[in-house]
C-alpha atoms as a PDB file:
ATOM      1  CA  MET A   1      17.810   7.523  25.129  1.00  0.00           C
ATOM      2  CA  LEU A   2      15.613  10.545  24.501  1.00  0.00           C
ATOM      3  CA  ALA A   3      18.399  12.264  22.565  1.00  0.00           C
ATOM      4  CA  ALA A   4      18.837   9.150  20.386  1.00  0.00           C
ATOM      5  CA  ASN A   5      15.109   9.003  19.658  1.00  0.00           C
ATOM      6  CA  LEU A   6      15.000  12.697  18.808  1.00  0.00           C
ATOM      7  CA  GLY A   7      18.001  12.251  16.545  1.00  0.00           C
ATOM      8  CA  PHE A   8      16.307   9.393  14.723  1.00  0.00           C
ATOM      9  CA  LEU A   9      13.090  11.403  14.367  1.00  0.00           C
ATOM     10  CA  ASN A  10      14.967  14.396  12.990  1.00  0.00           C
ATOM     11  CA  GLY A  11      16.734  12.099  10.540  1.00  0.00           C
ATOM     12  CA  VAL A  12      13.388  10.737   9.301  1.00  0.00           C
ATOM     13  CA  ILE A  13      11.980  14.259   8.953  1.00  0.00           C
ATOM     14  CA  ASP A  14      15.053  15.391   7.007  1.00  0.00           C
ATOM     15  CA  TRP A  15      14.774  12.360   4.705  1.00  0.00           C
ATOM     16  CA  LEU A  16      11.089  13.011   4.073  1.00  0.00           C
ATOM     17  CA  SER A  17      11.827  16.646   3.322  1.00  0.00           C
ATOM     18  CA  GLU A  18      14.557  15.709   0.847  1.00  0.00           C
ATOM     19  CA  PHE A  19      12.289  13.099  -0.718  1.00  0.00           C
ATOM     20  CA  THR A  20       9.390  15.511  -1.245  1.00  0.00           C
ATOM     21  CA  ASP A  21      11.818  18.088  -2.638  1.00  0.00           C
ATOM     22  CA  LYS A  22      12.980  15.466  -5.139  1.00  0.00           C
ATOM     23  CA  LEU A  23       9.379  14.711  -6.059  1.00  0.00           C
ATOM     24  CA  GLY A  24       8.847  18.418  -6.538  1.00  0.00           C
ATOM     25  CA  ASP A  25      11.823  18.558  -8.885  1.00  0.00           C
ATOM     26  CA  TRP A  26      10.411  15.666 -10.925  1.00  0.00           C
ATOM     27  CA  ALA A  27       6.979  17.294 -11.043  1.00  0.00           C
ATOM     28  CA  GLY A  28       8.589  20.404 -12.530  1.00  0.00           C
ATOM     29  CA  ASN A  29       8.949  18.622 -15.884  1.00  0.00           C
ATOM     30  CA  TRP A  30       6.423  17.954 -18.634  1.00  0.00           C
ATOM     31  CA  TRP A  31       7.235  14.239 -18.582  1.00  0.00           C
ATOM     32  CA  PHE A  32       5.742  13.981 -15.089  1.00  0.00           C
ATOM     33  CA  LEU A  33       2.311  14.024 -16.744  1.00  0.00           C
ATOM     34  CA  GLY A  34       3.266  10.676 -18.276  1.00  0.00           C
ATOM     35  CA  VAL A  35       4.118   9.395 -14.796  1.00  0.00           C
ATOM     36  CA  ILE A  36       0.689  10.487 -13.530  1.00  0.00           C
ATOM     37  CA  PHE A  37      -1.022   8.736 -16.450  1.00  0.00           C
ATOM     38  CA  THR A  38       0.964   5.501 -16.048  1.00  0.00           C
ATOM     39  CA  ILE A  39       0.579   5.262 -12.266  1.00  0.00           C
ATOM     40  CA  ALA A  40      -3.167   5.985 -12.466  1.00  0.00           C
ATOM     41  CA  LEU A  41      -3.541   3.240 -15.081  1.00  0.00           C
ATOM     42  CA  LEU A  42      -1.571   0.673 -13.086  1.00  0.00           C
ATOM     43  CA  ASP A  43      -3.365   1.511  -9.844  1.00  0.00           C
ATOM     44  CA  SER A  44      -6.661   0.347 -11.320  1.00  0.00           C
ATOM     45  CA  VAL A  45      -5.231  -3.143 -11.819  1.00  0.00           C
ATOM     46  CA  ILE A  46      -2.515  -3.270  -9.119  1.00  0.00           C
ATOM     47  CA  PRO A  47      -3.929  -1.437  -6.059  1.00  0.00           C
ATOM     48  CA  VAL A  48      -0.548  -1.021  -4.330  1.00  0.00           C
ATOM     49  CA  VAL A  49       0.461   1.685  -6.811  1.00  0.00           C
ATOM     50  CA  PRO A  50      -0.168   5.169  -5.250  1.00  0.00           C
ATOM     51  CA  SER A  51      -2.052   7.004  -7.982  1.00  0.00           C
ATOM     52  CA  GLU A  52      -3.516   9.704  -5.710  1.00  0.00           C
ATOM     53  CA  THR A  53      -0.010  10.601  -4.590  1.00  0.00           C
ATOM     54  CA  THR A  54       1.213  11.379  -8.099  1.00  0.00           C
ATOM     55  CA  VAL A  55      -1.892  13.416  -8.920  1.00  0.00           C
ATOM     56  CA  ILE A  56      -1.485  15.353  -5.668  1.00  0.00           C
ATOM     57  CA  ILE A  57       2.190  15.964  -6.448  1.00  0.00           C
ATOM     58  CA  GLY A  58       1.197  17.366  -9.830  1.00  0.00           C
ATOM     59  CA  GLY A  59      -1.472  19.577  -8.234  1.00  0.00           C
ATOM     60  CA  VAL A  60       0.991  20.852  -5.632  1.00  0.00           C
ATOM     61  CA  ALA A  61       3.539  21.606  -8.364  1.00  0.00           C
ATOM     62  CA  VAL A  62       0.916  23.756 -10.073  1.00  0.00           C
ATOM     63  CA  ALA A  63       0.058  25.436  -6.750  1.00  0.00           C
ATOM     64  CA  THR A  64       3.690  26.261  -5.968  1.00  0.00           C
ATOM     65  CA  GLY A  65       4.410  27.492  -9.483  1.00  0.00           C
ATOM     66  CA  THR A  66       7.062  24.873 -10.270  1.00  0.00           C
ATOM     67  CA  ALA A  67       5.009  23.037 -12.909  1.00  0.00           C
ATOM     68  CA  PRO A  68       5.321  23.991 -16.590  1.00  0.00           C
ATOM     69  CA  TYR A  69       1.832  22.558 -17.200  1.00  0.00           C
ATOM     70  CA  PRO A  70      -1.640  23.767 -16.088  1.00  0.00           C
ATOM     71  CA  LEU A  71      -3.917  22.060 -13.554  1.00  0.00           C
ATOM     72  CA  VAL A  72      -6.193  20.824 -16.347  1.00  0.00           C
ATOM     73  CA  ALA A  73      -3.273  18.787 -17.731  1.00  0.00           C
ATOM     74  CA  VAL A  74      -2.858  17.035 -14.365  1.00  0.00           C
ATOM     75  CA  ILE A  75      -6.573  16.249 -14.285  1.00  0.00           C
ATOM     76  CA  ALA A  76      -6.554  14.989 -17.872  1.00  0.00           C
ATOM     77  CA  ALA A  77      -3.517  12.739 -17.312  1.00  0.00           C
ATOM     78  CA  GLY A  78      -4.918  11.250 -14.107  1.00  0.00           C
ATOM     79  CA  ALA A  79      -8.434  10.776 -15.469  1.00  0.00           C
ATOM     80  CA  ALA A  80      -7.231   9.205 -18.737  1.00  0.00           C
ATOM     81  CA  GLY A  81      -4.974   6.737 -16.921  1.00  0.00           C
ATOM     82  CA  ALA A  82      -7.695   5.831 -14.422  1.00  0.00           C
ATOM     83  CA  PHE A  83     -10.312   5.379 -17.156  1.00  0.00           C
ATOM     84  CA  ILE A  84      -8.144   3.083 -19.267  1.00  0.00           C
ATOM     85  CA  GLY A  85      -6.980   1.137 -16.203  1.00  0.00           C
ATOM     86  CA  ASP A  86     -10.540   0.622 -14.960  1.00  0.00           C
ATOM     87  CA  ASN A  87     -11.557  -0.753 -18.337  1.00  0.00           C
ATOM     88  CA  MET A  88      -8.580  -3.096 -18.281  1.00  0.00           C
ATOM     89  CA  ALA A  89      -9.728  -4.360 -14.861  1.00  0.00           C
ATOM     90  CA  PHE A  90     -13.245  -4.822 -16.235  1.00  0.00           C
ATOM     91  CA  SER A  91     -11.871  -6.901 -19.125  1.00  0.00           C
ATOM     92  CA  ILE A  92      -9.879  -9.048 -16.692  1.00  0.00           C
ATOM     93  CA  GLY A  93     -13.022  -9.721 -14.674  1.00  0.00           C
ATOM     94  CA  LYS A  94     -15.052 -10.542 -17.760  1.00  0.00           C
ATOM     95  CA  HIS A  95     -12.347 -12.953 -18.950  1.00  0.00           C
ATOM     96  CA  TRP A  96     -12.662 -14.924 -15.697  1.00  0.00           C
ATOM     97  CA  SER A  97     -16.455 -14.724 -15.428  1.00  0.00           C
ATOM     98  CA  ASP A  98     -16.989 -18.264 -16.749  1.00  0.00           C
ATOM     99  CA  ALA A  99     -14.633 -19.693 -14.117  1.00  0.00           C
ATOM    100  CA  PHE A 100     -16.503 -17.861 -11.368  1.00  0.00           C
ATOM    101  CA  GLU A 101     -19.834 -19.153 -12.683  1.00  0.00           C
ATOM    102  CA  ARG A 102     -18.535 -22.725 -12.665  1.00  0.00           C
ATOM    103  CA  ARG A 103     -17.361 -22.319  -9.082  1.00  0.00           C
ATOM    104  CA  ALA A 104     -20.761 -20.884  -8.130  1.00  0.00           C
ATOM    105  CA  GLN A 105     -22.441 -24.001  -9.508  1.00  0.00           C
ATOM    106  CA  ARG A 106     -20.365 -26.154  -7.146  1.00  0.00           C
ATOM    107  CA  LYS A 107     -20.513 -23.938  -4.054  1.00  0.00           C
ATOM    108  CA  PRO A 108     -23.917 -22.553  -2.958  1.00  0.00           C
ATOM    109  CA  LYS A 109     -22.386 -20.015  -0.541  1.00  0.00           C
ATOM    110  CA  PHE A 110     -20.157 -18.634  -3.280  1.00  0.00           C
ATOM    111  CA  ALA A 111     -23.162 -18.530  -5.623  1.00  0.00           C
ATOM    112  CA  ALA A 112     -25.068 -16.486  -3.042  1.00  0.00           C
ATOM    113  CA  LYS A 113     -22.201 -13.998  -2.769  1.00  0.00           C
ATOM    114  CA  LEU A 114     -21.955 -13.737  -6.542  1.00  0.00           C
ATOM    115  CA  THR A 115     -25.689 -13.125  -6.804  1.00  0.00           C
ATOM    116  CA  TRP A 116     -25.486 -10.485  -4.088  1.00  0.00           C
ATOM    117  CA  ALA A 117     -22.625  -8.717  -5.867  1.00  0.00           C
ATOM    118  CA  ARG A 118     -24.517  -8.806  -9.170  1.00  0.00           C
ATOM    119  CA  GLU A 119     -27.648  -7.358  -7.576  1.00  0.00           C
ATOM    120  CA  GLN A 120     -25.732  -4.633  -5.719  1.00  0.00           C
ATOM    121  CA  ILE A 121     -23.903  -3.525  -8.852  1.00  0.00           C
ATOM    122  CA  ALA A 122     -27.089  -3.617 -10.918  1.00  0.00           C
ATOM    123  CA  ALA A 123     -28.996  -1.602  -8.304  1.00  0.00           C
ATOM    124  CA  ARG A 124     -26.430   1.117  -7.509  1.00  0.00           C
ATOM    125  CA  GLY A 125     -23.378   0.320  -9.570  1.00  0.00           C
ATOM    126  CA  GLY A 126     -22.847   3.854 -10.850  1.00  0.00           C
ATOM    127  CA  LEU A 127     -22.587   5.267  -7.334  1.00  0.00           C
ATOM    128  CA  LEU A 128     -20.405   2.313  -6.293  1.00  0.00           C
ATOM    129  CA  LEU A 129     -17.978   2.972  -9.138  1.00  0.00           C
ATOM    130  CA  ILE A 130     -17.675   6.639  -8.204  1.00  0.00           C
ATOM    131  CA  THR A 131     -17.273   5.949  -4.474  1.00  0.00           C
ATOM    132  CA  ALA A 132     -14.838   3.050  -4.963  1.00  0.00           C
ATOM    133  CA  ARG A 133     -12.564   5.239  -7.118  1.00  0.00           C
ATOM    134  CA  PHE A 134     -11.543   7.024  -3.908  1.00  0.00           C
ATOM    135  CA  ILE A 135     -10.715   3.779  -2.078  1.00  0.00           C
ATOM    136  CA  PRO A 136      -7.379   2.067  -2.847  1.00  0.00           C
ATOM    137  CA  GLY A 137      -8.172  -1.558  -3.559  1.00  0.00           C
ATOM    138  CA  GLY A 138     -11.894  -0.848  -3.648  1.00  0.00           C
ATOM    139  CA  ARG A 139     -11.703   0.555  -7.158  1.00  0.00           C
ATOM    140  CA  THR A 140     -10.031  -2.633  -8.397  1.00  0.00           C
ATOM    141  CA  ALA A 141     -12.537  -4.865  -6.621  1.00  0.00           C
ATOM    142  CA  ILE A 142     -15.633  -3.148  -8.032  1.00  0.00           C
ATOM    143  CA  THR A 143     -14.300  -2.841 -11.586  1.00  0.00           C
ATOM    144  CA  ILE A 144     -13.236  -6.492 -11.738  1.00  0.00           C
ATOM    145  CA  ALA A 145     -16.534  -7.517 -10.100  1.00  0.00           C
ATOM    146  CA  SER A 146     -18.407  -5.575 -12.789  1.00  0.00           C
ATOM    147  CA  GLY A 147     -16.691  -7.690 -15.412  1.00  0.00           C
ATOM    148  CA  ILE A 148     -17.213 -10.962 -13.513  1.00  0.00           C
ATOM    149  CA  THR A 149     -20.940 -10.257 -13.187  1.00  0.00           C
ATOM    150  CA  ARG A 150     -21.108  -9.367 -16.897  1.00  0.00           C
ATOM    151  CA  GLN A 151     -22.360  -5.810 -16.593  1.00  0.00           C
ATOM    152  CA  SER A 152     -22.960  -3.871 -19.801  1.00  0.00           C
ATOM    153  CA  ARG A 153     -19.741  -2.506 -21.289  1.00  0.00           C
ATOM    154  CA  ALA A 154     -21.532   0.683 -22.439  1.00  0.00           C
ATOM    155  CA  TRP A 155     -22.879   1.225 -18.928  1.00  0.00           C
ATOM    156  CA  PHE A 156     -19.450   0.606 -17.417  1.00  0.00           C
ATOM    157  CA  VAL A 157     -17.632   2.942 -19.812  1.00  0.00           C
ATOM    158  CA  ARG A 158     -20.075   5.759 -19.080  1.00  0.00           C
ATOM    159  CA  TRP A 159     -19.777   5.505 -15.314  1.00  0.00           C
ATOM    160  CA  THR A 160     -16.018   4.927 -15.195  1.00  0.00           C
ATOM    161  CA  PHE A 161     -15.504   8.017 -17.338  1.00  0.00           C
ATOM    162  CA  ILE A 162     -17.510  10.069 -14.827  1.00  0.00           C
ATOM    163  CA  ALA A 163     -15.774   8.439 -11.846  1.00  0.00           C
ATOM    164  CA  ALA A 164     -12.269   8.962 -13.249  1.00  0.00           C
ATOM    165  CA  LEU A 165     -12.967  12.608 -14.057  1.00  0.00           C
ATOM    166  CA  ILE A 166     -14.411  13.317 -10.600  1.00  0.00           C
ATOM    167  CA  TRP A 167     -11.517  11.518  -8.889  1.00  0.00           C
ATOM    168  CA  ALA A 168      -8.769  13.304 -10.829  1.00  0.00           C
ATOM    169  CA  THR A 169     -10.455  16.704 -10.454  1.00  0.00           C
ATOM    170  CA  TYR A 170     -10.842  16.150  -6.718  1.00  0.00           C
ATOM    171  CA  ALA A 171      -7.236  15.015  -6.101  1.00  0.00           C
ATOM    172  CA  ALA A 172      -5.590  17.667  -8.279  1.00  0.00           C
ATOM    173  CA  GLY A 173      -7.990  20.431  -7.274  1.00  0.00           C
ATOM    174  CA  LEU A 174      -7.614  19.698  -3.563  1.00  0.00           C
ATOM    175  CA  ALA A 175      -3.820  19.730  -3.892  1.00  0.00           C
ATOM    176  CA  ARG A 176      -3.970  23.067  -5.695  1.00  0.00           C
ATOM    177  CA  LEU A 177      -6.386  24.580  -3.176  1.00  0.00           C
ATOM    178  CA  VAL A 178      -4.660  23.333  -0.020  1.00  0.00           C
ATOM    179  CA  GLY A 179      -1.118  23.691  -1.333  1.00  0.00           C
ATOM    180  CA  GLU A 180      -1.348  27.247  -2.672  1.00  0.00           C
ATOM    181  CA  PRO A 181      -1.078  28.972   0.744  1.00  0.00           C
ATOM    182  CA  PHE A 182       2.233  27.131   1.210  1.00  0.00           C
ATOM    183  CA  LYS A 183       3.690  27.851  -2.218  1.00  0.00           C
ATOM    184  CA  ASP A 184       6.997  28.889  -0.649  1.00  0.00           C
ATOM    185  CA  ASP A 185       7.426  25.496   1.028  1.00  0.00           C
ATOM    186  CA  HIS A 186       6.877  22.618  -1.391  1.00  0.00           C
ATOM    187  CA  SER A 187       7.341  19.916   1.279  1.00  0.00           C
ATOM    188  CA  LYS A 188       4.761  21.444   3.593  1.00  0.00           C
ATOM    189  CA  ALA A 189       2.334  21.993   0.710  1.00  0.00           C
ATOM    190  CA  PHE A 190       2.611  18.341  -0.320  1.00  0.00           C
ATOM    191  CA  TRP A 191       2.189  16.835   3.141  1.00  0.00           C
ATOM    192  CA  ILE A 192      -0.749  19.052   4.054  1.00  0.00           C
ATOM    193  CA  ALA A 193      -2.474  18.260   0.754  1.00  0.00           C
ATOM    194  CA  PHE A 194      -1.667  14.553   1.121  1.00  0.00           C
ATOM    195  CA  GLY A 195      -2.875  14.449   4.734  1.00  0.00           C
ATOM    196  CA  THR A 196      -6.106  16.229   3.844  1.00  0.00           C
ATOM    197  CA  ALA A 197      -6.812  13.826   0.978  1.00  0.00           C
ATOM    198  CA  LEU A 198      -5.975  10.826   3.181  1.00  0.00           C
ATOM    199  CA  GLY A 199      -8.333  12.021   5.909  1.00  0.00           C
ATOM    200  CA  ILE A 200     -11.184  12.478   3.447  1.00  0.00           C
ATOM    201  CA  ASN A 201     -10.545   9.032   1.937  1.00  0.00           C
ATOM    202  CA  VAL A 202     -10.602   7.431   5.393  1.00  0.00           C
ATOM    203  CA  ALA A 203     -13.937   9.122   6.129  1.00  0.00           C
ATOM    204  CA  ILE A 204     -15.346   7.846   2.830  1.00  0.00           C
ATOM    205  CA  GLU A 205     -14.148   4.320   3.607  1.00  0.00           C
ATOM    206  CA  ILE A 206     -15.754   4.359   7.076  1.00  0.00           C
ATOM    207  CA  VAL A 207     -19.087   5.509   5.651  1.00  0.00           C
ATOM    208  CA  ARG A 208     -18.878   2.915   2.869  1.00  0.00           C
ATOM    209  CA  TYR A 209     -18.081   0.128   5.337  1.00  0.00           C
ATOM    210  CA  PHE A 210     -21.102   0.788   7.529  1.00  0.00           C
ATOM    211  CA  ARG A 211     -23.407   1.185   4.529  1.00  0.00           C
ATOM    212  CA  LEU A 212     -22.161  -2.104   3.124  1.00  0.00           C
ATOM    213  CA  LYS A 213     -22.719  -3.893   6.444  1.00  0.00           C
ATOM    214  CA  ARG A 214     -26.234  -2.509   6.617  1.00  0.00           C
ATOM    215  CA  ALA A 215     -26.950  -3.649   3.059  1.00  0.00           C
ATOM    216  CA  GLU A 216     -25.647  -7.143   3.862  1.00  0.00           C
ATOM    217  CA  ARG A 217     -27.890  -7.367   6.932  1.00  0.00           C
ATOM    218  CA  GLU A 218     -30.941  -6.280   4.962  1.00  0.00           C
ATOM    219  CA  TRP A 219     -30.149  -8.757   2.183  1.00  0.00           C
ATOM    220  CA  SER A 220     -29.732 -11.635   4.637  1.00  0.00           C
ATOM    221  CA  LYS A 221     -33.052 -11.004   6.431  1.00  0.00           C
ATOM    222  CA  PRO A 222     -35.570 -13.779   5.770  1.00  0.00           C
ATOM    223  CA  ALA A 223     -38.529 -12.818   3.641  1.00  0.00           C
ATOM    224  CA  VAL A 224     -41.754 -12.305   5.592  1.00  0.00           C
END
């Protein structure tokens, strides 16, 4: 039984190693920058697409010397895709804003939630946009919510540009920094960089969750 389990585990490890080697081969081409851009764009609208992964792969390829492009190209591709995708999500939210307002008129509880979201975004929306960019799913929720609550397009463009640039610089830069000591082992460089980024993202999500709960409690307190 133990031998069978160890055999299965070794098979999974071998498959993962082959898979990351294949990703490394793909990242060793200029066209991989287009993949980074496209995935980052789609991830803003469809949160199941792993945009951080592609940016990290590009950063690791630079760190291991297999990439024909510089780190700044990885950052630019990721940031551009994220920026355009976020603005697409904003437009989707704005398109449906009237429907949400009509629902709010019929449902007081929904109206209260919509008002709370509008006030939160208006009060600290810039910080929310930056923080949410590091949270899969969260970035889509806040960008669509910004459109639904009819935030200023100029305000949104300014903050999403900053958020996308910070996010892409962080993901690519972390991959380069963490992956460089393992430049002779692309698989190890990728998984260490990926694990480090995942751990940081989990920490950010935990902090965000407790801050959000605290804000909800304060908002729900009756006025004295």
